[in-house]
Amino acid sequence: MKCPFCGYPDSKVIDSRPTEDNDRIRRRRSCLSCGMRFNTYEVVEHMPLMVVKKDQSRQEFDRNKPLKGLIRACEKRPVTSKTMERLVDQIEKICQQQYDKEVPSHVIGDIILQQLRDIDPVAYVRYASVYRDFKDLDSFLQVLEDLQDEKD
């Protein structure tokens, strides 16, 4: 494994253990050149999951895209990066289980909204405002009213 710090092409594994969900193996490594330590993850390789966009174009699922949206929605909120990573893991797992090779993009957005509603209502509203493309104040207020009704 190439060292991310110095680029040396070899490292040794110091520790290996499964992640909490047992879907990956976390390996703690040490560079044989500079001695820096870093983590790698071993994952089962699946057939690539394709995301079908609104315009019917297709692109390979990229876990960084939902993660970037979550980071933006959760900015300055008490949501940890570990929670966001777990959420993206859940999204990927659900999509792999429920969809053979292609998943509509709206399904991914719906899963994120479902999860964010329970995690952080403010992040939920932020994400919904972009995902649902609010055109006016009434659509925004409707989401807030729905949240308030659920809370009561």
N, C-alpha and C. Protein backbone atom coordinates (compact mmCIF):
# COMPACT_ATOMS: atom_id res chain seq x y z
N MET A 1 0.85 -1.18 0.00
CA MET A 1 0.00 0.00 0.00
C MET A 1 0.89 1.23 0.00
N LYS A 2 0.65 2.13 -0.91
CA LYS A 2 1.45 3.35 -1.06
C LYS A 2 1.17 4.31 0.10
N CYS A 3 2.22 4.85 0.69
CA CYS A 3 2.10 5.78 1.82
C CYS A 3 1.50 7.11 1.34
N PRO A 4 0.43 7.59 2.01
CA PRO A 4 -0.17 8.87 1.60
C PRO A 4 0.68 10.09 1.99
N PHE A 5 1.70 9.89 2.81
CA PHE A 5 2.53 10.99 3.27
C PHE A 5 3.78 11.17 2.40
N CYS A 6 4.51 10.06 2.15
CA CYS A 6 5.76 10.19 1.39
C CYS A 6 5.71 9.49 0.03
N GLY A 7 4.66 8.69 -0.20
CA GLY A 7 4.53 8.02 -1.49
C GLY A 7 5.30 6.72 -1.62
N TYR A 8 5.98 6.31 -0.55
CA TYR A 8 6.74 5.05 -0.60
C TYR A 8 5.77 3.90 -0.88
N PRO A 9 6.16 2.98 -1.78
CA PRO A 9 5.20 1.97 -2.24
C PRO A 9 4.96 0.78 -1.30
N ASP A 10 5.56 0.78 -0.12
CA ASP A 10 5.38 -0.38 0.75
C ASP A 10 5.12 0.04 2.19
N SER A 11 4.29 -0.75 2.87
CA SER A 11 3.97 -0.50 4.27
C SER A 11 3.70 -1.84 4.94
N LYS A 12 3.69 -1.82 6.26
CA LYS A 12 3.36 -3.07 6.96
C LYS A 12 2.08 -2.86 7.77
N VAL A 13 1.32 -3.93 7.90
CA VAL A 13 0.07 -3.91 8.66
C VAL A 13 0.40 -4.10 10.13
N ILE A 14 -0.05 -3.15 10.96
CA ILE A 14 0.19 -3.20 12.40
C ILE A 14 -0.99 -3.88 13.11
N ASP A 15 -2.21 -3.57 12.62
CA ASP A 15 -3.41 -4.09 13.27
C ASP A 15 -4.52 -4.24 12.24
N SER A 16 -5.33 -5.27 12.36
CA SER A 16 -6.50 -5.48 11.50
C SER A 16 -7.69 -5.81 12.37
N ARG A 17 -8.82 -5.21 12.04
CA ARG A 17 -10.04 -5.54 12.77
C ARG A 17 -11.24 -5.17 11.91
N PRO A 18 -12.37 -5.87 12.11
CA PRO A 18 -13.58 -5.52 11.35
C PRO A 18 -14.18 -4.21 11.86
N THR A 19 -14.87 -3.49 10.98
CA THR A 19 -15.58 -2.29 11.41
C THR A 19 -16.80 -2.70 12.21
N GLU A 20 -17.47 -1.73 12.82
CA GLU A 20 -18.63 -2.02 13.68
C GLU A 20 -19.71 -2.81 12.96
N ASP A 21 -19.93 -2.52 11.68
CA ASP A 21 -21.00 -3.19 10.94
C ASP A 21 -20.53 -4.48 10.25
N ASN A 22 -19.26 -4.84 10.47
CA ASN A 22 -18.67 -6.05 9.88
C ASN A 22 -18.70 -6.09 8.36
N ASP A 23 -18.79 -4.92 7.72
CA ASP A 23 -18.81 -4.87 6.26
C ASP A 23 -17.42 -4.60 5.68
N ARG A 24 -16.50 -4.15 6.51
CA ARG A 24 -15.17 -3.81 6.04
C ARG A 24 -14.13 -4.25 7.07
N ILE A 25 -12.89 -4.33 6.62
CA ILE A 25 -11.77 -4.59 7.52
C ILE A 25 -10.93 -3.33 7.59
N ARG A 26 -10.69 -2.85 8.78
CA ARG A 26 -9.85 -1.67 8.99
C ARG A 26 -8.43 -2.16 9.25
N ARG A 27 -7.50 -1.63 8.48
CA ARG A 27 -6.10 -2.01 8.67
C ARG A 27 -5.29 -0.78 9.06
N ARG A 28 -4.58 -0.87 10.16
CA ARG A 28 -3.67 0.18 10.61
C ARG A 28 -2.32 -0.16 10.03
N ARG A 29 -1.72 0.76 9.30
CA ARG A 29 -0.47 0.50 8.60
C ARG A 29 0.61 1.48 9.03
N SER A 30 1.85 1.07 8.81
CA SER A 30 3.00 1.93 9.08
C SER A 30 3.89 1.91 7.84
N CYS A 31 4.28 3.10 7.39
CA CYS A 31 5.15 3.22 6.22
C CYS A 31 6.54 2.71 6.57
N LEU A 32 7.12 1.92 5.68
CA LEU A 32 8.45 1.36 5.92
C LEU A 32 9.55 2.39 5.67
N SER A 33 9.20 3.52 5.07
CA SER A 33 10.19 4.55 4.79
C SER A 33 10.16 5.67 5.83
N CYS A 34 9.01 6.33 5.97
CA CYS A 34 8.94 7.50 6.87
C CYS A 34 8.38 7.16 8.25
N GLY A 35 7.78 5.98 8.41
CA GLY A 35 7.27 5.56 9.71
C GLY A 35 5.89 6.11 10.06
N MET A 36 5.32 6.95 9.20
CA MET A 36 3.99 7.50 9.49
C MET A 36 2.96 6.38 9.47
N ARG A 37 1.90 6.56 10.25
CA ARG A 37 0.84 5.56 10.33
C ARG A 37 -0.41 6.07 9.64
N PHE A 38 -1.15 5.15 9.03
CA PHE A 38 -2.39 5.50 8.35
C PHE A 38 -3.31 4.29 8.31
N ASN A 39 -4.60 4.55 8.03
CA ASN A 39 -5.60 3.49 7.98
C ASN A 39 -6.00 3.20 6.55
N THR A 40 -6.29 1.94 6.28
CA THR A 40 -6.90 1.56 5.01
C THR A 40 -8.09 0.68 5.35
N TYR A 41 -9.01 0.57 4.40
CA TYR A 41 -10.20 -0.26 4.59
C TYR A 41 -10.32 -1.23 3.43
N GLU A 42 -10.58 -2.47 3.76
CA GLU A 42 -10.77 -3.50 2.75
C GLU A 42 -12.27 -3.76 2.66
N VAL A 43 -12.81 -3.71 1.44
CA VAL A 43 -14.24 -3.88 1.23
C VAL A 43 -14.48 -4.94 0.17
N VAL A 44 -15.60 -5.63 0.27
CA VAL A 44 -15.98 -6.57 -0.76
C VAL A 44 -16.34 -5.77 -2.00
N GLU A 45 -15.81 -6.18 -3.13
CA GLU A 45 -16.09 -5.46 -4.37
C GLU A 45 -17.41 -5.96 -4.95
N HIS A 46 -18.32 -5.05 -5.15
CA HIS A 46 -19.62 -5.37 -5.73
C HIS A 46 -19.64 -4.89 -7.17
N MET A 47 -20.63 -5.37 -7.91
CA MET A 47 -20.86 -4.81 -9.23
C MET A 47 -21.16 -3.34 -9.03
N PRO A 48 -20.64 -2.48 -9.89
CA PRO A 48 -20.88 -1.05 -9.67
C PRO A 48 -22.38 -0.73 -9.70
N LEU A 49 -22.79 0.05 -8.74
CA LEU A 49 -24.17 0.48 -8.66
C LEU A 49 -24.29 1.76 -9.47
N MET A 50 -25.21 1.78 -10.41
CA MET A 50 -25.40 2.94 -11.26
C MET A 50 -26.57 3.77 -10.73
N VAL A 51 -26.39 5.08 -10.73
CA VAL A 51 -27.44 6.00 -10.29
C VAL A 51 -28.10 6.58 -11.53
N VAL A 52 -29.43 6.46 -11.59
CA VAL A 52 -30.19 7.00 -12.72
C VAL A 52 -30.66 8.39 -12.32
N LYS A 53 -30.14 9.40 -13.02
CA LYS A 53 -30.45 10.80 -12.71
C LYS A 53 -31.82 11.18 -13.28
N LYS A 54 -32.28 12.39 -12.93
CA LYS A 54 -33.58 12.88 -13.41
C LYS A 54 -33.68 12.88 -14.93
N ASP A 55 -32.58 13.23 -15.58
CA ASP A 55 -32.57 13.30 -17.05
C ASP A 55 -32.33 11.94 -17.70
N GLN A 56 -32.40 10.87 -16.90
CA GLN A 56 -32.21 9.48 -17.32
C GLN A 56 -30.76 9.12 -17.66
N SER A 57 -29.83 10.04 -17.44
CA SER A 57 -28.42 9.69 -17.61
C SER A 57 -28.00 8.82 -16.43
N ARG A 58 -26.94 8.09 -16.60
CA ARG A 58 -26.48 7.17 -15.57
C ARG A 58 -25.03 7.46 -15.23
N GLN A 59 -24.74 7.36 -13.94
CA GLN A 59 -23.35 7.47 -13.50
C GLN A 59 -23.15 6.55 -12.31
N GLU A 60 -21.91 6.12 -12.14
CA GLU A 60 -21.60 5.20 -11.05
C GLU A 60 -21.82 5.88 -9.70
N PHE A 61 -22.35 5.12 -8.74
CA PHE A 61 -22.57 5.65 -7.40
C PHE A 61 -21.23 6.09 -6.83
N ASP A 62 -21.20 7.32 -6.36
CA ASP A 62 -19.99 7.89 -5.76
C ASP A 62 -20.37 8.34 -4.35
N ARG A 63 -19.89 7.63 -3.36
CA ARG A 63 -20.27 7.92 -1.97
C ARG A 63 -19.87 9.32 -1.53
N ASN A 64 -18.94 9.95 -2.24
CA ASN A 64 -18.54 11.31 -1.89
C ASN A 64 -19.64 12.33 -2.18
N LYS A 65 -20.50 12.06 -3.16
CA LYS A 65 -21.55 13.02 -3.49
C LYS A 65 -22.57 13.17 -2.35
N PRO A 66 -23.17 12.06 -1.87
CA PRO A 66 -24.09 12.25 -0.74
C PRO A 66 -23.37 12.77 0.50
N LEU A 67 -22.12 12.37 0.68
CA LEU A 67 -21.36 12.85 1.84
C LEU A 67 -21.16 14.36 1.79
N LYS A 68 -20.85 14.89 0.60
CA LYS A 68 -20.68 16.34 0.46
C LYS A 68 -21.98 17.07 0.78
N GLY A 69 -23.11 16.53 0.30
CA GLY A 69 -24.41 17.13 0.61
C GLY A 69 -24.70 17.11 2.09
N LEU A 70 -24.36 16.01 2.75
CA LEU A 70 -24.57 15.90 4.19
C LEU A 70 -23.68 16.89 4.95
N ILE A 71 -22.44 17.00 4.52
CA ILE A 71 -21.52 17.93 5.18
C ILE A 71 -22.06 19.35 5.09
N ARG A 72 -22.56 19.72 3.92
CA ARG A 72 -23.13 21.06 3.75
C ARG A 72 -24.36 21.26 4.64
N ALA A 73 -25.24 20.25 4.65
CA ALA A 73 -26.48 20.36 5.43
C ALA A 73 -26.20 20.37 6.93
N CYS A 74 -25.16 19.69 7.36
CA CYS A 74 -24.87 19.55 8.78
C CYS A 74 -23.83 20.56 9.28
N GLU A 75 -23.45 21.49 8.41
CA GLU A 75 -22.45 22.48 8.79
C GLU A 75 -22.91 23.26 10.02
N LYS A 76 -22.02 23.37 11.00
CA LYS A 76 -22.27 24.07 12.27
C LYS A 76 -23.43 23.44 13.06
N ARG A 77 -23.66 22.16 12.84
CA ARG A 77 -24.67 21.41 13.58
C ARG A 77 -23.95 20.33 14.38
N PRO A 78 -24.59 19.82 15.45
CA PRO A 78 -23.93 18.81 16.29
C PRO A 78 -24.01 17.40 15.69
N VAL A 79 -23.65 17.27 14.43
CA VAL A 79 -23.66 15.96 13.76
C VAL A 79 -22.20 15.62 13.44
N THR A 80 -21.74 14.50 13.96
CA THR A 80 -20.33 14.13 13.79
C THR A 80 -20.07 13.58 12.39
N SER A 81 -18.83 13.66 11.99
CA SER A 81 -18.45 13.10 10.69
C SER A 81 -18.65 11.58 10.69
N LYS A 82 -18.49 10.97 11.84
CA LYS A 82 -18.71 9.53 11.96
C LYS A 82 -20.18 9.19 11.68
N THR A 83 -21.09 10.02 12.18
CA THR A 83 -22.52 9.82 11.92
C THR A 83 -22.82 9.96 10.43
N MET A 84 -22.22 10.97 9.80
CA MET A 84 -22.44 11.16 8.36
C MET A 84 -21.86 10.00 7.55
N GLU A 85 -20.70 9.50 7.94
CA GLU A 85 -20.10 8.35 7.26
C GLU A 85 -21.00 7.12 7.39
N ARG A 86 -21.53 6.92 8.61
CA ARG A 86 -22.43 5.78 8.83
C ARG A 86 -23.68 5.90 7.97
N LEU A 87 -24.19 7.12 7.84
CA LEU A 87 -25.37 7.35 7.02
C LEU A 87 -25.10 7.00 5.56
N VAL A 88 -23.95 7.40 5.05
CA VAL A 88 -23.59 7.07 3.66
C VAL A 88 -23.41 5.56 3.52
N ASP A 89 -22.84 4.91 4.54
CA ASP A 89 -22.73 3.45 4.52
C ASP A 89 -24.11 2.81 4.42
N GLN A 90 -25.07 3.32 5.20
CA GLN A 90 -26.43 2.78 5.18
C GLN A 90 -27.07 2.98 3.80
N ILE A 91 -26.86 4.15 3.23
CA ILE A 91 -27.43 4.43 1.91
C ILE A 91 -26.90 3.42 0.90
N GLU A 92 -25.59 3.25 0.90
CA GLU A 92 -24.97 2.33 -0.05
C GLU A 92 -25.48 0.90 0.17
N LYS A 93 -25.58 0.50 1.42
CA LYS A 93 -26.03 -0.86 1.75
C LYS A 93 -27.49 -1.08 1.31
N ILE A 94 -28.34 -0.12 1.61
CA ILE A 94 -29.76 -0.22 1.21
C ILE A 94 -29.88 -0.31 -0.30
N CYS A 95 -29.15 0.53 -1.00
CA CYS A 95 -29.21 0.54 -2.46
C CYS A 95 -28.71 -0.77 -3.05
N GLN A 96 -27.62 -1.32 -2.48
CA GLN A 96 -27.08 -2.60 -2.96
C GLN A 96 -28.07 -3.73 -2.72
N GLN A 97 -28.79 -3.68 -1.57
CA GLN A 97 -29.71 -4.75 -1.23
C GLN A 97 -31.02 -4.67 -2.03
N GLN A 98 -31.52 -3.45 -2.22
CA GLN A 98 -32.86 -3.30 -2.81
C GLN A 98 -32.85 -3.11 -4.32
N TYR A 99 -31.71 -2.71 -4.87
CA TYR A 99 -31.64 -2.46 -6.30
C TYR A 99 -30.50 -3.28 -6.88
N ASP A 100 -30.80 -3.97 -7.95
CA ASP A 100 -29.83 -4.88 -8.55
C ASP A 100 -28.60 -4.14 -9.07
N LYS A 101 -28.80 -3.28 -10.06
CA LYS A 101 -27.67 -2.59 -10.67
C LYS A 101 -27.89 -1.10 -10.79
N GLU A 102 -29.15 -0.66 -10.79
CA GLU A 102 -29.44 0.76 -10.97
C GLU A 102 -30.41 1.25 -9.89
N VAL A 103 -30.13 2.43 -9.37
CA VAL A 103 -30.98 3.03 -8.36
C VAL A 103 -31.33 4.45 -8.81
N PRO A 104 -32.61 4.82 -8.76
CA PRO A 104 -32.98 6.20 -9.11
C PRO A 104 -32.39 7.17 -8.09
N SER A 105 -31.92 8.32 -8.56
CA SER A 105 -31.28 9.29 -7.67
C SER A 105 -32.23 9.77 -6.57
N HIS A 106 -33.54 9.83 -6.88
CA HIS A 106 -34.48 10.31 -5.87
C HIS A 106 -34.56 9.36 -4.67
N VAL A 107 -34.26 8.08 -4.88
CA VAL A 107 -34.27 7.11 -3.78
C VAL A 107 -33.17 7.48 -2.78
N ILE A 108 -32.01 7.82 -3.30
CA ILE A 108 -30.89 8.20 -2.43
C ILE A 108 -31.25 9.44 -1.63
N GLY A 109 -31.83 10.44 -2.30
CA GLY A 109 -32.25 11.66 -1.61
C GLY A 109 -33.30 11.38 -0.56
N ASP A 110 -34.25 10.50 -0.87
CA ASP A 110 -35.31 10.16 0.09
C ASP A 110 -34.74 9.46 1.33
N ILE A 111 -33.77 8.57 1.12
CA ILE A 111 -33.15 7.88 2.26
C ILE A 111 -32.43 8.90 3.15
N ILE A 112 -31.70 9.82 2.52
CA ILE A 112 -30.99 10.85 3.29
C ILE A 112 -31.98 11.67 4.10
N LEU A 113 -33.08 12.09 3.48
CA LEU A 113 -34.07 12.89 4.19
C LEU A 113 -34.68 12.11 5.36
N GLN A 114 -35.00 10.85 5.13
CA GLN A 114 -35.57 10.03 6.21
C GLN A 114 -34.63 9.98 7.41
N GLN A 115 -33.36 9.73 7.14
CA GLN A 115 -32.38 9.61 8.21
C GLN A 115 -32.12 10.95 8.89
N LEU A 116 -31.98 12.02 8.10
CA LEU A 116 -31.70 13.34 8.68
C LEU A 116 -32.83 13.85 9.55
N ARG A 117 -34.05 13.47 9.22
CA ARG A 117 -35.20 13.90 10.00
C ARG A 117 -35.04 13.48 11.46
N ASP A 118 -34.50 12.29 11.67
CA ASP A 118 -34.30 11.78 13.03
C ASP A 118 -32.99 12.29 13.66
N ILE A 119 -31.99 12.52 12.84
CA ILE A 119 -30.68 12.92 13.35
C ILE A 119 -30.66 14.39 13.77
N ASP A 120 -31.09 15.28 12.86
CA ASP A 120 -31.03 16.71 13.13
C ASP A 120 -32.05 17.45 12.26
N PRO A 121 -33.12 17.99 12.86
CA PRO A 121 -34.18 18.65 12.08
C PRO A 121 -33.68 19.84 11.26
N VAL A 122 -32.72 20.59 11.77
CA VAL A 122 -32.21 21.74 11.01
C VAL A 122 -31.47 21.26 9.77
N ALA A 123 -30.64 20.24 9.93
CA ALA A 123 -29.92 19.68 8.78
C ALA A 123 -30.93 19.11 7.78
N TYR A 124 -32.00 18.51 8.31
CA TYR A 124 -33.06 17.98 7.44
C TYR A 124 -33.65 19.09 6.57
N VAL A 125 -33.99 20.22 7.17
CA VAL A 125 -34.59 21.33 6.43
C VAL A 125 -33.60 21.89 5.41
N ARG A 126 -32.35 21.99 5.81
CA ARG A 126 -31.32 22.48 4.88
C ARG A 126 -31.21 21.57 3.67
N TYR A 127 -31.13 20.26 3.93
CA TYR A 127 -31.00 19.30 2.83
C TYR A 127 -32.25 19.31 1.96
N ALA A 128 -33.41 19.34 2.61
CA ALA A 128 -34.68 19.34 1.87
C ALA A 128 -34.80 20.57 0.98
N SER A 129 -34.31 21.71 1.44
CA SER A 129 -34.44 22.94 0.64
C SER A 129 -33.67 22.83 -0.68
N VAL A 130 -32.57 22.11 -0.68
CA VAL A 130 -31.82 21.91 -1.93
C VAL A 130 -32.39 20.74 -2.71
N TYR A 131 -32.62 19.63 -2.03
CA TYR A 131 -33.09 18.41 -2.68
C TYR A 131 -34.46 18.60 -3.33
N ARG A 132 -35.36 19.23 -2.61
CA ARG A 132 -36.71 19.43 -3.13
C ARG A 132 -36.83 20.72 -3.95
N ASP A 133 -35.75 21.47 -4.03
CA ASP A 133 -35.69 22.67 -4.87
C ASP A 133 -36.86 23.61 -4.60
N PHE A 134 -36.92 24.09 -3.34
CA PHE A 134 -38.00 25.01 -2.96
C PHE A 134 -38.00 26.23 -3.87
N LYS A 135 -39.16 26.55 -4.39
CA LYS A 135 -39.29 27.69 -5.30
C LYS A 135 -39.80 28.94 -4.57
N ASP A 136 -40.46 28.71 -3.43
CA ASP A 136 -41.01 29.87 -2.72
C ASP A 136 -41.04 29.59 -1.22
N LEU A 137 -41.42 30.59 -0.48
CA LEU A 137 -41.46 30.51 0.98
C LEU A 137 -42.51 29.51 1.47
N ASP A 138 -43.62 29.38 0.74
CA ASP A 138 -44.69 28.45 1.15
C ASP A 138 -44.19 27.01 1.22
N SER A 139 -43.38 26.58 0.23
CA SER A 139 -42.88 25.20 0.26
C SER A 139 -41.96 25.00 1.46
N PHE A 140 -41.18 26.00 1.77
CA PHE A 140 -40.27 25.94 2.91
C PHE A 140 -41.08 25.86 4.21
N LEU A 141 -42.09 26.71 4.33
CA LEU A 141 -42.93 26.71 5.53
C LEU A 141 -43.68 25.39 5.70
N GLN A 142 -44.07 24.77 4.59
CA GLN A 142 -44.79 23.50 4.66
C GLN A 142 -43.91 22.42 5.31
N VAL A 143 -42.65 22.37 4.94
CA VAL A 143 -41.73 21.40 5.54
C VAL A 143 -41.57 21.67 7.03
N LEU A 144 -41.44 22.93 7.40
CA LEU A 144 -41.32 23.28 8.81
C LEU A 144 -42.58 22.89 9.59
N GLU A 145 -43.74 23.13 9.01
CA GLU A 145 -45.01 22.76 9.67
C GLU A 145 -45.11 21.24 9.84
N ASP A 146 -44.69 20.49 8.81
CA ASP A 146 -44.70 19.02 8.90
C ASP A 146 -43.80 18.54 10.03
N LEU A 147 -42.64 19.14 10.15
CA LEU A 147 -41.73 18.78 11.23
C LEU A 147 -42.33 19.09 12.60
N GLN A 148 -42.95 20.26 12.69
CA GLN A 148 -43.55 20.68 13.96
C GLN A 148 -44.70 19.75 14.34
N ASP A 149 -45.52 19.35 13.35
CA ASP A 149 -46.63 18.42 13.61
C ASP A 149 -46.11 17.07 14.12
N GLU A 150 -45.01 16.59 13.56
CA GLU A 150 -44.43 15.33 14.01
C GLU A 150 -43.92 15.44 15.44
N LYS A 151 -43.37 16.60 15.78
CA LYS A 151 -42.82 16.81 17.10
C LYS A 151 -43.90 16.84 18.17
N ASP A 152 -45.07 17.40 17.82
CA ASP A 152 -46.17 17.52 18.79
C ASP A 152 -46.90 16.26 19.02
